[in-house]
Amino acid sequence: MITFTKAQLASLIATGVDFLVFSVLLKWAGVPPVATTVAASARVTFYGVTGTLCGGFTYFMLGRTWVFNAQGKKWMAQVNRYVPVWIGNLVLNASGLYLLTRYTGIQPMWAKVITATLVAVFYNYPLQKRFVFK
């Protein structure tokens, strides 16, 4: 239970980094609150990808050193397992963000919250625990 709790805290921190970057880019670039065009949706998706990159790096470092206490294991082997899992995470987050903003009219931040939650629960934690930092 301690590992699960740590993983959730690390995920919240990484998500905070992700959302902070996404938010700053969204406000800085002036994309309308509801992305109704393909171009606006593509820009929102790009910002989401950039946030996911920053969050992914944050989670890898926390997962390796604090959550799974796996720093004694070979760093490069973990990176080699983390990268494909993270790419899947990136694709799922970007796709979910795009689809929700493009086809439902949900505001970008809410679309990101919904997508990030689903990906975290059903994809990230199981793969981090059983594959990346095993």
N, C-alpha and C. Protein backbone atom coordinates (compact mmCIF):
# COMPACT_ATOMS: atom_id res chain seq x y z
N MET A 1 0.82 -1.20 0.00
CA MET A 1 0.00 0.00 0.00
C MET A 1 0.86 1.26 0.00
N ILE A 2 2.02 1.19 0.61
CA ILE A 2 2.92 2.34 0.63
C ILE A 2 3.37 2.69 -0.78
N THR A 3 3.74 1.67 -1.57
CA THR A 3 4.18 1.91 -2.94
C THR A 3 3.05 2.53 -3.77
N PHE A 4 1.85 2.03 -3.62
CA PHE A 4 0.71 2.57 -4.34
C PHE A 4 0.49 4.04 -3.99
N THR A 5 0.57 4.36 -2.70
CA THR A 5 0.39 5.73 -2.24
C THR A 5 1.48 6.64 -2.80
N LYS A 6 2.72 6.18 -2.74
CA LYS A 6 3.82 6.96 -3.30
C LYS A 6 3.62 7.17 -4.80
N ALA A 7 3.20 6.12 -5.49
CA ALA A 7 2.97 6.22 -6.94
C ALA A 7 1.90 7.26 -7.25
N GLN A 8 0.86 7.30 -6.43
CA GLN A 8 -0.20 8.27 -6.65
C GLN A 8 0.29 9.69 -6.38
N LEU A 9 1.10 9.86 -5.35
CA LEU A 9 1.67 11.18 -5.06
C LEU A 9 2.62 11.62 -6.17
N ALA A 10 3.47 10.70 -6.63
CA ALA A 10 4.39 11.02 -7.73
C ALA A 10 3.60 11.37 -8.99
N SER A 11 2.53 10.64 -9.21
CA SER A 11 1.68 10.91 -10.37
C SER A 11 1.04 12.29 -10.26
N LEU A 12 0.60 12.65 -9.06
CA LEU A 12 0.02 13.98 -8.86
C LEU A 12 1.04 15.08 -9.10
N ILE A 13 2.26 14.86 -8.64
CA ILE A 13 3.32 15.86 -8.87
C ILE A 13 3.61 15.98 -10.36
N ALA A 14 3.77 14.83 -11.03
CA ALA A 14 4.04 14.84 -12.48
C ALA A 14 2.87 15.46 -13.24
N THR A 15 1.66 15.15 -12.80
CA THR A 15 0.47 15.73 -13.43
C THR A 15 0.44 17.24 -13.20
N GLY A 16 0.84 17.66 -12.02
CA GLY A 16 0.92 19.10 -11.74
C GLY A 16 1.88 19.80 -12.69
N VAL A 17 3.04 19.18 -12.92
CA VAL A 17 4.01 19.73 -13.88
C VAL A 17 3.39 19.77 -15.27
N ASP A 18 2.78 18.66 -15.66
CA ASP A 18 2.12 18.54 -16.96
C ASP A 18 1.07 19.65 -17.13
N PHE A 19 0.18 19.79 -16.16
CA PHE A 19 -0.91 20.77 -16.25
C PHE A 19 -0.38 22.20 -16.20
N LEU A 20 0.65 22.43 -15.42
CA LEU A 20 1.23 23.77 -15.35
C LEU A 20 1.78 24.18 -16.72
N VAL A 21 2.54 23.30 -17.34
CA VAL A 21 3.08 23.60 -18.67
C VAL A 21 1.95 23.80 -19.67
N PHE A 22 0.96 22.89 -19.65
CA PHE A 22 -0.19 22.98 -20.55
C PHE A 22 -0.92 24.31 -20.36
N SER A 23 -1.17 24.68 -19.12
CA SER A 23 -1.89 25.89 -18.79
C SER A 23 -1.15 27.14 -19.25
N VAL A 24 0.14 27.18 -18.96
CA VAL A 24 0.94 28.33 -19.36
C VAL A 24 0.94 28.46 -20.89
N LEU A 25 1.14 27.35 -21.59
CA LEU A 25 1.13 27.41 -23.05
C LEU A 25 -0.24 27.81 -23.59
N LEU A 26 -1.28 27.29 -23.00
CA LEU A 26 -2.64 27.59 -23.45
C LEU A 26 -2.93 29.09 -23.28
N LYS A 27 -2.59 29.63 -22.12
CA LYS A 27 -2.84 31.06 -21.87
C LYS A 27 -1.90 31.93 -22.70
N TRP A 28 -0.66 31.52 -22.80
CA TRP A 28 0.35 32.30 -23.52
C TRP A 28 0.01 32.40 -25.01
N ALA A 29 -0.49 31.31 -25.58
CA ALA A 29 -0.77 31.28 -27.02
C ALA A 29 -2.15 31.82 -27.35
N GLY A 30 -3.00 32.00 -26.37
CA GLY A 30 -4.30 32.58 -26.61
C GLY A 30 -5.28 31.73 -27.38
N VAL A 31 -5.22 30.43 -27.22
CA VAL A 31 -6.19 29.56 -27.87
C VAL A 31 -7.54 29.76 -27.17
N PRO A 32 -8.63 29.83 -27.94
CA PRO A 32 -9.94 30.01 -27.30
C PRO A 32 -10.24 28.90 -26.30
N PRO A 33 -11.05 29.18 -25.27
CA PRO A 33 -11.35 28.16 -24.26
C PRO A 33 -11.93 26.88 -24.83
N VAL A 34 -12.78 26.99 -25.83
CA VAL A 34 -13.33 25.80 -26.46
C VAL A 34 -12.75 25.71 -27.86
N ALA A 35 -11.97 24.67 -28.09
CA ALA A 35 -11.34 24.50 -29.40
C ALA A 35 -12.35 23.87 -30.35
N THR A 36 -12.85 24.66 -31.30
CA THR A 36 -13.87 24.15 -32.20
C THR A 36 -13.36 23.91 -33.61
N THR A 37 -12.15 24.33 -33.90
CA THR A 37 -11.61 24.10 -35.24
C THR A 37 -10.49 23.08 -35.15
N VAL A 38 -10.17 22.49 -36.28
CA VAL A 38 -9.07 21.51 -36.32
C VAL A 38 -7.77 22.18 -35.94
N ALA A 39 -7.52 23.39 -36.44
CA ALA A 39 -6.26 24.08 -36.14
C ALA A 39 -6.15 24.36 -34.64
N ALA A 40 -7.21 24.82 -34.03
CA ALA A 40 -7.16 25.08 -32.59
C ALA A 40 -6.98 23.79 -31.81
N SER A 41 -7.67 22.73 -32.23
CA SER A 41 -7.51 21.43 -31.57
C SER A 41 -6.09 20.92 -31.70
N ALA A 42 -5.48 21.11 -32.86
CA ALA A 42 -4.10 20.67 -33.06
C ALA A 42 -3.16 21.44 -32.15
N ARG A 43 -3.37 22.73 -31.99
CA ARG A 43 -2.53 23.53 -31.09
C ARG A 43 -2.70 23.08 -29.65
N VAL A 44 -3.94 22.86 -29.23
CA VAL A 44 -4.20 22.39 -27.87
C VAL A 44 -3.53 21.04 -27.65
N THR A 45 -3.61 20.16 -28.65
CA THR A 45 -2.97 18.85 -28.56
C THR A 45 -1.46 19.00 -28.42
N PHE A 46 -0.84 19.91 -29.18
CA PHE A 46 0.60 20.15 -29.08
C PHE A 46 0.97 20.60 -27.67
N TYR A 47 0.18 21.50 -27.09
CA TYR A 47 0.45 21.96 -25.73
C TYR A 47 0.32 20.81 -24.74
N GLY A 48 -0.68 19.96 -24.98
CA GLY A 48 -0.85 18.78 -24.14
C GLY A 48 0.34 17.84 -24.22
N VAL A 49 0.88 17.67 -25.44
CA VAL A 49 2.05 16.81 -25.64
C VAL A 49 3.26 17.39 -24.91
N THR A 50 3.44 18.69 -24.99
CA THR A 50 4.57 19.34 -24.32
C THR A 50 4.46 19.17 -22.80
N GLY A 51 3.26 19.34 -22.27
CA GLY A 51 3.04 19.12 -20.84
C GLY A 51 3.30 17.68 -20.46
N THR A 52 2.85 16.75 -21.31
CA THR A 52 3.05 15.32 -21.05
C THR A 52 4.53 14.97 -21.05
N LEU A 53 5.31 15.59 -21.93
CA LEU A 53 6.76 15.38 -21.94
C LEU A 53 7.37 15.76 -20.59
N CYS A 54 7.04 16.93 -20.12
CA CYS A 54 7.58 17.41 -18.84
C CYS A 54 7.11 16.54 -17.68
N GLY A 55 5.85 16.17 -17.69
CA GLY A 55 5.31 15.30 -16.65
C GLY A 55 5.94 13.92 -16.70
N GLY A 56 6.19 13.41 -17.90
CA GLY A 56 6.81 12.09 -18.06
C GLY A 56 8.21 12.03 -17.48
N PHE A 57 8.98 13.06 -17.73
CA PHE A 57 10.34 13.12 -17.18
C PHE A 57 10.27 13.18 -15.65
N THR A 58 9.37 14.00 -15.15
CA THR A 58 9.20 14.13 -13.70
C THR A 58 8.85 12.78 -13.07
N TYR A 59 7.89 12.06 -13.68
CA TYR A 59 7.47 10.79 -13.11
C TYR A 59 8.58 9.74 -13.17
N PHE A 60 9.33 9.71 -14.26
CA PHE A 60 10.42 8.74 -14.35
C PHE A 60 11.41 8.93 -13.20
N MET A 61 11.79 10.16 -12.97
CA MET A 61 12.77 10.43 -11.92
C MET A 61 12.20 10.10 -10.53
N LEU A 62 10.96 10.47 -10.27
CA LEU A 62 10.34 10.14 -8.98
C LEU A 62 10.10 8.63 -8.85
N GLY A 63 9.65 8.00 -9.92
CA GLY A 63 9.39 6.56 -9.89
C GLY A 63 10.65 5.77 -9.62
N ARG A 64 11.72 6.16 -10.27
CA ARG A 64 12.99 5.45 -10.14
C ARG A 64 13.60 5.61 -8.76
N THR A 65 13.56 6.82 -8.25
CA THR A 65 14.28 7.09 -7.00
C THR A 65 13.42 6.98 -5.75
N TRP A 66 12.14 7.29 -5.84
CA TRP A 66 11.33 7.38 -4.62
C TRP A 66 10.23 6.33 -4.56
N VAL A 67 9.45 6.18 -5.62
CA VAL A 67 8.29 5.28 -5.58
C VAL A 67 8.70 3.82 -5.54
N PHE A 68 9.46 3.39 -6.52
CA PHE A 68 9.79 1.97 -6.65
C PHE A 68 11.19 1.64 -6.15
N ASN A 69 11.91 2.66 -5.67
CA ASN A 69 13.26 2.48 -5.13
C ASN A 69 14.11 1.60 -6.04
N ALA A 70 14.15 1.98 -7.30
CA ALA A 70 14.81 1.15 -8.31
C ALA A 70 16.10 1.78 -8.82
N GLN A 71 16.69 2.70 -8.08
CA GLN A 71 17.91 3.34 -8.55
C GLN A 71 19.12 2.42 -8.54
N GLY A 72 19.07 1.32 -7.81
CA GLY A 72 20.18 0.37 -7.81
C GLY A 72 20.21 -0.48 -9.07
N LYS A 73 19.11 -0.49 -9.80
CA LYS A 73 19.03 -1.27 -11.03
C LYS A 73 19.60 -0.46 -12.18
N LYS A 74 19.83 -1.14 -13.28
CA LYS A 74 20.44 -0.46 -14.42
C LYS A 74 19.52 0.62 -14.97
N TRP A 75 20.03 1.82 -14.95
CA TRP A 75 19.30 3.01 -15.37
C TRP A 75 18.86 2.90 -16.82
N MET A 76 19.76 2.49 -17.70
CA MET A 76 19.46 2.45 -19.13
C MET A 76 18.39 1.40 -19.44
N ALA A 77 18.39 0.29 -18.74
CA ALA A 77 17.35 -0.73 -18.96
C ALA A 77 15.98 -0.16 -18.59
N GLN A 78 15.93 0.63 -17.53
CA GLN A 78 14.66 1.26 -17.14
C GLN A 78 14.22 2.27 -18.19
N VAL A 79 15.16 3.04 -18.68
CA VAL A 79 14.83 4.02 -19.73
C VAL A 79 14.29 3.29 -20.96
N ASN A 80 14.93 2.18 -21.32
CA ASN A 80 14.49 1.41 -22.51
C ASN A 80 13.09 0.83 -22.33
N ARG A 81 12.71 0.54 -21.12
CA ARG A 81 11.34 0.06 -20.87
C ARG A 81 10.37 1.23 -20.71
N TYR A 82 10.85 2.32 -20.14
CA TYR A 82 9.99 3.48 -19.88
C TYR A 82 9.58 4.18 -21.17
N VAL A 83 10.50 4.32 -22.10
CA VAL A 83 10.23 5.08 -23.32
C VAL A 83 9.03 4.54 -24.10
N PRO A 84 8.95 3.24 -24.40
CA PRO A 84 7.76 2.79 -25.14
C PRO A 84 6.46 2.95 -24.33
N VAL A 85 6.54 2.77 -23.01
CA VAL A 85 5.36 2.97 -22.18
C VAL A 85 4.98 4.45 -22.21
N TRP A 86 5.95 5.31 -22.11
CA TRP A 86 5.70 6.74 -22.15
C TRP A 86 5.16 7.17 -23.52
N ILE A 87 5.66 6.60 -24.59
CA ILE A 87 5.14 6.94 -25.93
C ILE A 87 3.66 6.55 -26.01
N GLY A 88 3.32 5.38 -25.48
CA GLY A 88 1.92 4.99 -25.43
C GLY A 88 1.10 5.99 -24.62
N ASN A 89 1.65 6.43 -23.49
CA ASN A 89 1.02 7.44 -22.67
C ASN A 89 0.80 8.73 -23.45
N LEU A 90 1.81 9.14 -24.16
CA LEU A 90 1.74 10.36 -24.96
C LEU A 90 0.65 10.24 -26.03
N VAL A 91 0.63 9.13 -26.74
CA VAL A 91 -0.37 8.91 -27.79
C VAL A 91 -1.79 8.90 -27.19
N LEU A 92 -1.96 8.20 -26.09
CA LEU A 92 -3.28 8.14 -25.46
C LEU A 92 -3.73 9.51 -24.95
N ASN A 93 -2.82 10.25 -24.31
CA ASN A 93 -3.18 11.57 -23.81
C ASN A 93 -3.47 12.56 -24.94
N ALA A 94 -2.62 12.57 -25.95
CA ALA A 94 -2.83 13.49 -27.07
C ALA A 94 -4.11 13.15 -27.83
N SER A 95 -4.34 11.86 -28.06
CA SER A 95 -5.54 11.43 -28.79
C SER A 95 -6.81 11.76 -28.00
N GLY A 96 -6.78 11.46 -26.70
CA GLY A 96 -7.94 11.75 -25.87
C GLY A 96 -8.23 13.24 -25.82
N LEU A 97 -7.20 14.05 -25.67
CA LEU A 97 -7.36 15.49 -25.63
C LEU A 97 -7.92 16.00 -26.94
N TYR A 98 -7.37 15.54 -28.04
CA TYR A 98 -7.84 15.96 -29.36
C TYR A 98 -9.30 15.56 -29.57
N LEU A 99 -9.61 14.30 -29.32
CA LEU A 99 -10.97 13.81 -29.57
C LEU A 99 -12.01 14.53 -28.71
N LEU A 100 -11.68 14.72 -27.44
CA LEU A 100 -12.65 15.39 -26.56
C LEU A 100 -12.85 16.85 -26.92
N THR A 101 -11.77 17.56 -27.27
CA THR A 101 -11.94 18.98 -27.62
C THR A 101 -12.56 19.13 -29.01
N ARG A 102 -12.24 18.25 -29.90
CA ARG A 102 -12.73 18.35 -31.28
C ARG A 102 -14.19 17.94 -31.42
N TYR A 103 -14.58 16.85 -30.78
CA TYR A 103 -15.90 16.28 -31.04
C TYR A 103 -16.93 16.48 -29.94
N THR A 104 -16.51 16.92 -28.77
CA THR A 104 -17.49 17.10 -27.70
C THR A 104 -17.64 18.56 -27.28
N GLY A 105 -16.68 19.39 -27.62
CA GLY A 105 -16.75 20.78 -27.21
C GLY A 105 -16.36 21.01 -25.76
N ILE A 106 -15.84 19.98 -25.11
CA ILE A 106 -15.38 20.13 -23.72
C ILE A 106 -14.20 21.09 -23.71
N GLN A 107 -14.16 21.95 -22.73
CA GLN A 107 -13.05 22.88 -22.61
C GLN A 107 -11.74 22.10 -22.48
N PRO A 108 -10.65 22.63 -23.05
CA PRO A 108 -9.37 21.91 -23.06
C PRO A 108 -8.89 21.42 -21.69
N MET A 109 -9.02 22.24 -20.65
CA MET A 109 -8.52 21.81 -19.34
C MET A 109 -9.31 20.62 -18.82
N TRP A 110 -10.64 20.64 -19.00
CA TRP A 110 -11.46 19.50 -18.56
C TRP A 110 -11.17 18.26 -19.38
N ALA A 111 -10.96 18.46 -20.67
CA ALA A 111 -10.61 17.32 -21.54
C ALA A 111 -9.30 16.70 -21.08
N LYS A 112 -8.37 17.54 -20.67
CA LYS A 112 -7.08 17.03 -20.20
C LYS A 112 -7.24 16.29 -18.87
N VAL A 113 -8.07 16.80 -17.99
CA VAL A 113 -8.31 16.13 -16.70
C VAL A 113 -8.92 14.75 -16.93
N ILE A 114 -9.93 14.66 -17.76
CA ILE A 114 -10.60 13.39 -18.04
C ILE A 114 -9.61 12.40 -18.66
N THR A 115 -8.91 12.86 -19.68
CA THR A 115 -7.96 11.98 -20.38
C THR A 115 -6.85 11.52 -19.45
N ALA A 116 -6.24 12.45 -18.73
CA ALA A 116 -5.12 12.12 -17.84
C ALA A 116 -5.54 11.12 -16.76
N THR A 117 -6.73 11.28 -16.23
CA THR A 117 -7.22 10.37 -15.19
C THR A 117 -7.38 8.96 -15.73
N LEU A 118 -8.03 8.84 -16.87
CA LEU A 118 -8.25 7.51 -17.46
C LEU A 118 -6.93 6.83 -17.82
N VAL A 119 -6.01 7.57 -18.40
CA VAL A 119 -4.72 7.00 -18.80
C VAL A 119 -3.92 6.59 -17.56
N ALA A 120 -3.95 7.40 -16.52
CA ALA A 120 -3.21 7.09 -15.29
C ALA A 120 -3.71 5.81 -14.64
N VAL A 121 -5.02 5.67 -14.54
CA VAL A 121 -5.60 4.53 -13.82
C VAL A 121 -5.47 3.23 -14.62
N PHE A 122 -5.76 3.28 -15.89
CA PHE A 122 -5.85 2.05 -16.67
C PHE A 122 -4.60 1.70 -17.47
N TYR A 123 -3.62 2.59 -17.52
CA TYR A 123 -2.44 2.34 -18.35
C TYR A 123 -1.14 2.53 -17.58
N ASN A 124 -0.93 3.74 -17.06
CA ASN A 124 0.37 4.08 -16.48
C ASN A 124 0.78 3.25 -15.27
N TYR A 125 -0.03 3.29 -14.21
CA TYR A 125 0.39 2.62 -12.99
C TYR A 125 0.65 1.13 -13.19
N PRO A 126 -0.25 0.40 -13.84
CA PRO A 126 0.04 -1.04 -14.02
C PRO A 126 1.34 -1.31 -14.78
N LEU A 127 1.60 -0.53 -15.82
CA LEU A 127 2.83 -0.78 -16.59
C LEU A 127 4.08 -0.32 -15.85
N GLN A 128 3.99 0.78 -15.11
CA GLN A 128 5.16 1.23 -14.35
C GLN A 128 5.54 0.19 -13.30
N LYS A 129 4.54 -0.34 -12.63
CA LYS A 129 4.79 -1.29 -11.54
C LYS A 129 5.28 -2.64 -12.06
N ARG A 130 4.64 -3.16 -13.07
CA ARG A 130 4.92 -4.52 -13.52
C ARG A 130 5.99 -4.63 -14.60
N PHE A 131 6.31 -3.53 -15.24
CA PHE A 131 7.23 -3.61 -16.38
C PHE A 131 8.44 -2.69 -16.23
N VAL A 132 8.22 -1.41 -16.05
CA VAL A 132 9.32 -0.45 -16.09
C VAL A 132 10.23 -0.58 -14.88
N PHE A 133 9.66 -0.55 -13.68
CA PHE A 133 10.46 -0.55 -12.45
C PHE A 133 10.36 -1.86 -11.69
N LYS A 134 10.11 -2.94 -12.38
CA LYS A 134 9.92 -4.25 -11.72
C LYS A 134 11.15 -4.68 -10.95
